[in-house]
Amino acid sequence: MRLTHPYLLLTLAMVFFSGNFIVGKAFAGEVPPFTLAWARFLIGTVVLLPLCYKTLIRNRQLWLDKWLPLTGIAFFGVFLFNVALYVSVHYTTTINASIVDALTPAVAAVLGYFFLKERLTLIQISGVILSFCGILLLLSGGSLAVLRSLSFNIGDLIMLAGIICWAIYSILIKLYGHEYPVIAGLVMTFIIGVLMLFPFVLYEWRAGLPFSFELATIGAFLYVGIFPGALALLCWYRGVAAIGPSKASIFFNLVPVFTTLFAIVLLGESAGWFQLFGGTIVLGGVYLSTIQPKKEEASDLVT
């Protein structure tokens, strides 16, 4: 298989996104969440800027005229979602966080139905219901007592809030994404996100740097910035351009699979029956919920 084969590029993108969960968990006690999110998009901007700086300059009037949708996209997709991800792994396992994250297409389908008046087929509705059943199993840990008392893990709930933010981000992309050049528009959301995150970073640094500049910490910053922050997006766009967004979106089902493998090998986490069974139900439901009616294709932009 060629290195530029779309399936390989999309698989690499999912590997890079999965690594983001692992780094977030591994450095949860060392690097604060706002700082890690800020570093991801600051470095990602530096990496991607050489590819689009001319387009950024050429479209400066566009950024001024269409600043409000762009700010909303950055707020939900760059700021809220990524902070939720990095905060959630302070309290839950990376396996749980990645499985909850896999629910995103189902949530996006529901929000698209209510806000964009998008049609849902019976198969898609069945997939959404199945996905939420799997998430309930995961959140409860397979315990009826937890379901009755609604005493869910706070980290799982934070991640659930994060994917709602991502689903809103997806809706904004569908509404306004076509108005911006792809890579340049993405970098602009990064820049806006970096500015949004910076006051919170200063708060985390109020008593001095909360982390030490050791090799491992520097490596964590470089990983989240270069791989999920930049290279994964380039792989994603190349893959989508080759096979279309509907087929490409199925590859997101690989994220919890890779994350689970990495978490077991690198972090020593273990997967219980409810995670494996619940995750399988979620992924099956997500697959059904993303089946598009003939002659319809959904588009999305990821960060």
Protein backbone atom coordinates (compact mmCIF):
# COMPACT_ATOMS: atom_id res chain seq x y z
CA MET A 1 0.00 0.00 0.00
CA ARG A 2 1.40 3.40 -0.99
CA LEU A 3 2.23 5.86 1.79
CA THR A 4 -0.35 8.22 0.25
CA HIS A 5 -3.14 5.65 0.08
CA PRO A 6 -6.25 7.29 1.62
CA TYR A 7 -7.00 4.34 3.90
CA LEU A 8 -3.48 4.47 5.30
CA LEU A 9 -3.65 8.25 5.75
CA LEU A 10 -6.99 8.02 7.57
CA THR A 11 -5.71 5.21 9.79
CA LEU A 12 -2.62 7.27 10.67
CA ALA A 13 -4.87 10.22 11.55
CA MET A 14 -6.81 8.01 13.97
CA VAL A 15 -3.57 6.71 15.51
CA PHE A 16 -2.45 10.31 16.09
CA PHE A 17 -5.81 11.30 17.59
CA SER A 18 -5.66 8.25 19.87
CA GLY A 19 -2.22 9.29 21.09
CA ASN A 20 -3.75 12.59 22.18
CA PHE A 21 -5.80 10.74 24.83
CA ILE A 22 -2.71 8.87 26.01
CA VAL A 23 -0.58 12.02 26.38
CA GLY A 24 -3.45 13.82 28.13
CA LYS A 25 -3.72 11.01 30.68
CA ALA A 26 0.02 10.43 31.10
CA PHE A 27 0.64 14.11 31.90
CA ALA A 28 -2.62 14.79 33.75
CA GLY A 29 -0.79 15.37 37.02
CA GLU A 30 2.04 17.40 35.53
CA VAL A 31 0.68 19.67 32.78
CA PRO A 32 -2.59 21.57 33.49
CA PRO A 33 -5.37 21.10 30.90
CA PHE A 34 -5.50 24.67 29.59
CA THR A 35 -1.74 24.72 29.16
CA LEU A 36 -1.72 21.43 27.24
CA ALA A 37 -4.56 22.56 24.96
CA TRP A 38 -2.83 25.91 24.40
CA ALA A 39 0.47 24.24 23.54
CA ARG A 40 -1.27 21.87 21.12
CA PHE A 41 -2.79 24.62 19.02
CA LEU A 42 0.12 27.02 19.31
CA ILE A 43 2.52 24.38 17.97
CA GLY A 44 -0.08 23.19 15.45
CA THR A 45 -0.34 26.76 14.15
CA VAL A 46 3.43 27.01 13.76
CA VAL A 47 3.54 23.70 11.86
CA LEU A 48 0.65 24.51 9.51
CA LEU A 49 1.39 28.20 8.96
CA PRO A 50 3.99 27.67 6.19
CA LEU A 51 1.31 25.85 4.17
CA CYS A 52 -1.20 28.69 4.23
CA TYR A 53 0.34 32.00 5.31
CA LYS A 54 -0.19 33.52 1.85
CA THR A 55 -3.86 32.51 1.92
CA LEU A 56 -4.19 33.96 5.42
CA ILE A 57 -2.83 37.30 4.28
CA ARG A 58 -4.80 37.33 1.04
CA ASN A 59 -8.08 36.73 2.88
CA ARG A 60 -7.60 39.15 5.76
CA GLN A 61 -10.80 41.00 4.84
CA LEU A 62 -12.70 37.69 4.95
CA TRP A 63 -11.52 37.07 8.53
CA LEU A 64 -12.75 40.53 9.53
CA ASP A 65 -16.09 40.20 7.75
CA LYS A 66 -16.82 36.63 8.89
CA TRP A 67 -15.25 36.75 12.34
CA LEU A 68 -18.35 35.72 14.32
CA PRO A 69 -18.89 32.21 12.86
CA LEU A 70 -15.13 31.65 12.96
CA THR A 71 -15.07 32.60 16.64
CA GLY A 72 -17.95 30.22 17.38
CA ILE A 73 -16.15 27.40 15.57
CA ALA A 74 -12.99 28.07 17.58
CA PHE A 75 -14.90 28.36 20.86
CA PHE A 76 -16.67 25.01 20.61
CA GLY A 77 -14.14 22.99 18.58
CA VAL A 78 -10.78 24.27 19.80
CA PHE A 79 -11.45 25.73 23.23
CA LEU A 80 -14.28 23.83 24.93
CA PHE A 81 -13.85 20.37 23.39
CA ASN A 82 -10.12 20.09 23.98
CA VAL A 83 -10.24 21.46 27.50
CA ALA A 84 -13.03 18.97 28.27
CA LEU A 85 -10.90 16.15 26.88
CA TYR A 86 -7.83 17.05 28.94
CA VAL A 87 -9.85 17.68 32.11
CA SER A 88 -11.84 14.45 31.75
CA VAL A 89 -8.78 12.21 31.75
CA HIS A 90 -7.87 13.60 35.18
CA TYR A 91 -10.88 11.70 36.53
CA THR A 92 -11.56 8.79 34.18
CA THR A 93 -9.58 6.30 32.14
CA THR A 94 -8.44 7.03 28.63
CA ILE A 95 -10.42 3.98 27.50
CA ASN A 96 -13.66 5.43 28.87
CA ALA A 97 -12.93 8.90 27.49
CA SER A 98 -12.24 7.58 23.99
CA ILE A 99 -15.38 5.42 23.95
CA VAL A 100 -17.51 8.38 25.06
CA ASP A 101 -15.78 10.44 22.35
CA ALA A 102 -16.85 7.84 19.79
CA LEU A 103 -20.46 8.84 20.47
CA THR A 104 -19.86 12.18 18.70
CA PRO A 105 -21.36 11.26 15.27
CA ALA A 106 -24.56 10.06 16.94
CA VAL A 107 -24.86 13.27 18.96
CA ALA A 108 -24.14 15.30 15.82
CA ALA A 109 -26.90 13.42 13.99
CA VAL A 110 -29.41 14.26 16.74
CA LEU A 111 -28.43 17.94 16.85
CA GLY A 112 -28.47 18.07 13.04
CA TYR A 113 -32.04 16.77 13.10
CA PHE A 114 -33.21 19.49 15.50
CA PHE A 115 -31.16 22.46 14.30
CA LEU A 116 -30.47 21.75 10.63
CA LYS A 117 -33.69 19.84 9.91
CA GLU A 118 -31.61 16.97 8.53
CA ARG A 119 -33.57 13.81 7.84
CA LEU A 120 -32.83 10.74 9.94
CA THR A 121 -33.60 7.30 8.53
CA LEU A 122 -34.90 4.47 10.70
CA ILE A 123 -31.46 2.87 10.54
CA GLN A 124 -29.82 6.07 11.77
CA ILE A 125 -32.33 6.47 14.60
CA SER A 126 -31.70 2.84 15.62
CA GLY A 127 -27.97 3.55 15.59
CA VAL A 128 -28.36 6.63 17.80
CA ILE A 129 -30.47 4.70 20.34
CA LEU A 130 -28.00 1.80 20.31
CA SER A 131 -25.06 4.17 20.84
CA PHE A 132 -26.68 5.82 23.84
CA CYS A 133 -27.47 2.41 25.36
CA GLY A 134 -23.79 1.52 25.04
CA ILE A 135 -22.77 4.79 26.69
CA LEU A 136 -25.16 4.18 29.58
CA LEU A 137 -23.56 0.78 30.09
CA LEU A 138 -20.12 2.37 30.04
CA LEU A 139 -21.02 5.25 32.38
CA SER A 140 -22.67 2.93 34.89
CA GLY A 141 -19.80 0.44 34.86
CA GLY A 142 -22.39 -2.27 34.36
CA SER A 143 -23.99 -1.44 37.72
CA LEU A 144 -27.75 -0.98 38.09
CA ALA A 145 -27.13 0.79 41.40
CA VAL A 146 -25.11 3.48 39.60
CA LEU A 147 -27.91 3.91 37.06
CA ARG A 148 -30.53 4.24 39.78
CA SER A 149 -28.51 6.77 41.77
CA LEU A 150 -27.12 8.56 38.69
CA SER A 151 -23.73 8.60 40.44
CA PHE A 152 -21.65 8.63 37.27
CA ASN A 153 -17.92 9.30 37.05
CA ILE A 154 -17.37 13.06 36.72
CA GLY A 155 -14.68 12.51 34.09
CA ASP A 156 -17.09 10.57 31.87
CA LEU A 157 -19.66 13.34 32.20
CA ILE A 158 -17.10 16.02 31.33
CA MET A 159 -16.14 14.06 28.21
CA LEU A 160 -19.84 13.74 27.36
CA ALA A 161 -20.17 17.52 27.64
CA GLY A 162 -17.11 17.81 25.40
CA ILE A 163 -18.64 15.77 22.60
CA ILE A 164 -21.78 17.90 22.73
CA CYS A 165 -19.48 20.89 22.15
CA TRP A 166 -17.87 19.01 19.26
CA ALA A 167 -21.28 18.23 17.78
CA ILE A 168 -22.18 21.94 17.94
CA TYR A 169 -18.84 22.66 16.29
CA SER A 170 -19.75 20.20 13.52
CA ILE A 171 -23.05 21.99 12.94
CA LEU A 172 -21.26 25.35 12.69
CA ILE A 173 -18.84 23.82 10.18
CA LYS A 174 -21.73 22.56 8.05
CA LEU A 175 -23.34 25.99 8.13
CA TYR A 176 -20.28 28.20 7.64
CA GLY A 177 -17.24 26.05 6.83
CA HIS A 178 -17.64 26.48 3.06
CA GLU A 179 -17.04 30.22 3.44
CA TYR A 180 -13.39 29.76 4.47
CA PRO A 181 -10.32 28.29 2.75
CA VAL A 182 -9.81 24.87 4.34
CA ILE A 183 -6.31 24.90 5.84
CA ALA A 184 -6.18 28.68 6.32
CA GLY A 185 -9.60 28.65 7.98
CA LEU A 186 -8.47 25.87 10.27
CA VAL A 187 -5.34 27.79 11.25
CA MET A 188 -7.44 30.88 11.97
CA THR A 189 -9.57 28.84 14.39
CA PHE A 190 -6.32 27.66 15.99
CA ILE A 191 -5.12 31.25 16.40
CA ILE A 192 -8.44 32.34 17.90
CA GLY A 193 -8.42 29.30 20.18
CA VAL A 194 -4.89 30.08 21.35
CA LEU A 195 -6.00 33.62 22.24
CA MET A 196 -9.06 32.28 24.10
CA LEU A 197 -6.97 29.81 26.07
CA PHE A 198 -4.20 32.23 27.00
CA PRO A 199 -5.93 34.00 29.97
CA PHE A 200 -6.64 30.61 31.53
CA VAL A 201 -3.04 29.55 30.91
CA LEU A 202 -1.87 32.67 32.77
CA TYR A 203 -4.14 31.68 35.66
CA GLU A 204 -2.59 28.21 35.73
CA TRP A 205 0.84 29.89 35.76
CA ARG A 206 -0.05 32.46 38.46
CA ALA A 207 2.32 30.87 40.97
CA GLY A 208 5.00 30.10 38.38
CA LEU A 209 5.34 27.43 35.73
CA PRO A 210 3.27 24.42 36.88
CA PHE A 211 5.55 22.02 35.00
CA SER A 212 9.26 21.51 34.48
CA PHE A 213 10.92 21.65 31.06
CA GLU A 214 12.07 18.05 31.06
CA LEU A 215 12.54 15.92 27.95
CA ALA A 216 9.28 14.03 28.54
CA THR A 217 7.25 17.23 28.96
CA ILE A 218 8.74 18.82 25.87
CA GLY A 219 8.02 15.60 23.97
CA ALA A 220 4.39 15.71 25.13
CA PHE A 221 3.98 19.28 23.90
CA LEU A 222 5.59 18.45 20.56
CA TYR A 223 3.48 15.33 20.11
CA VAL A 224 0.08 16.98 20.71
CA GLY A 225 1.06 19.93 18.52
CA ILE A 226 2.68 18.12 15.59
CA PHE A 227 0.72 14.87 15.37
CA PRO A 228 -2.95 15.31 16.44
CA GLY A 229 -2.60 19.09 16.04
CA ALA A 230 -1.22 19.18 12.48
CA LEU A 231 -0.29 15.92 10.73
CA ALA A 232 -3.53 14.14 11.63
CA LEU A 233 -5.51 16.94 10.02
CA LEU A 234 -3.46 16.85 6.84
CA CYS A 235 -3.92 13.07 6.64
CA TRP A 236 -7.63 13.51 7.28
CA TYR A 237 -8.12 16.07 4.52
CA ARG A 238 -6.19 13.99 1.98
CA GLY A 239 -8.25 10.93 2.90
CA VAL A 240 -11.57 12.77 2.72
CA ALA A 241 -10.65 14.26 -0.64
CA ALA A 242 -9.97 10.77 -1.99
CA ILE A 243 -12.91 8.71 -0.64
CA GLY A 244 -15.47 11.26 0.59
CA PRO A 245 -16.52 12.34 4.10
CA SER A 246 -19.14 9.65 4.69
CA LYS A 247 -16.72 6.76 4.16
CA ALA A 248 -13.91 8.61 5.94
CA SER A 249 -16.03 9.23 9.06
CA ILE A 250 -16.22 5.48 9.67
CA PHE A 251 -12.50 5.54 10.46
CA PHE A 252 -13.24 7.46 13.68
CA ASN A 253 -14.46 4.13 15.07
CA LEU A 254 -10.78 3.18 15.19
CA VAL A 255 -9.97 5.84 17.81
CA PRO A 256 -11.30 3.92 20.85
CA VAL A 257 -9.75 0.73 19.48
CA PHE A 258 -6.27 2.26 19.19
CA THR A 259 -6.68 4.19 22.43
CA THR A 260 -7.61 1.02 24.31
CA LEU A 261 -4.58 -0.82 22.95
CA PHE A 262 -2.24 2.09 23.76
CA ALA A 263 -3.74 2.52 27.25
CA ILE A 264 -3.26 -1.14 28.10
CA VAL A 265 0.31 -1.30 26.76
CA LEU A 266 1.60 2.16 27.74
CA LEU A 267 -0.45 3.15 30.77
CA GLY A 268 -1.23 -0.23 32.29
CA GLU A 269 -4.98 0.30 32.16
CA SER A 270 -7.29 -2.66 31.97
CA ALA A 271 -10.54 -3.01 30.05
CA GLY A 272 -13.50 -4.46 31.94
CA TRP A 273 -16.31 -6.41 30.32
CA PHE A 274 -18.61 -3.38 30.45
CA GLN A 275 -16.04 -1.28 28.56
CA LEU A 276 -15.53 -3.90 25.87
CA PHE A 277 -19.22 -4.72 25.52
CA GLY A 278 -20.37 -1.11 25.88
CA GLY A 279 -17.70 0.08 23.44
CA THR A 280 -18.78 -2.52 20.89
CA ILE A 281 -22.41 -1.40 21.22
CA VAL A 282 -21.40 2.26 20.85
CA LEU A 283 -19.29 1.61 17.76
CA GLY A 284 -22.02 -0.50 16.18
CA GLY A 285 -24.58 2.21 16.85
CA VAL A 286 -22.27 4.92 15.53
CA TYR A 287 -21.77 2.96 12.33
CA LEU A 288 -25.52 2.72 11.81
CA SER A 289 -26.07 6.39 12.70
CA THR A 290 -23.54 7.53 10.09
CA ILE A 291 -25.05 5.57 7.19
CA GLN A 292 -26.10 8.30 4.78
CA PRO A 293 -29.16 8.05 2.54
CA LYS A 294 -28.27 7.61 -1.11
CA LYS A 295 -27.15 10.78 -2.89
CA GLU A 296 -26.49 12.49 0.47
CA GLU A 297 -23.11 13.01 2.04
CA ALA A 298 -22.17 14.77 5.22
CA SER A 299 -19.08 16.91 5.49
CA ASP A 300 -17.12 17.75 8.59
CA LEU A 301 -13.95 19.39 9.77
CA VAL A 302 -11.94 18.02 12.64
CA THR A 303 -9.45 19.46 15.05
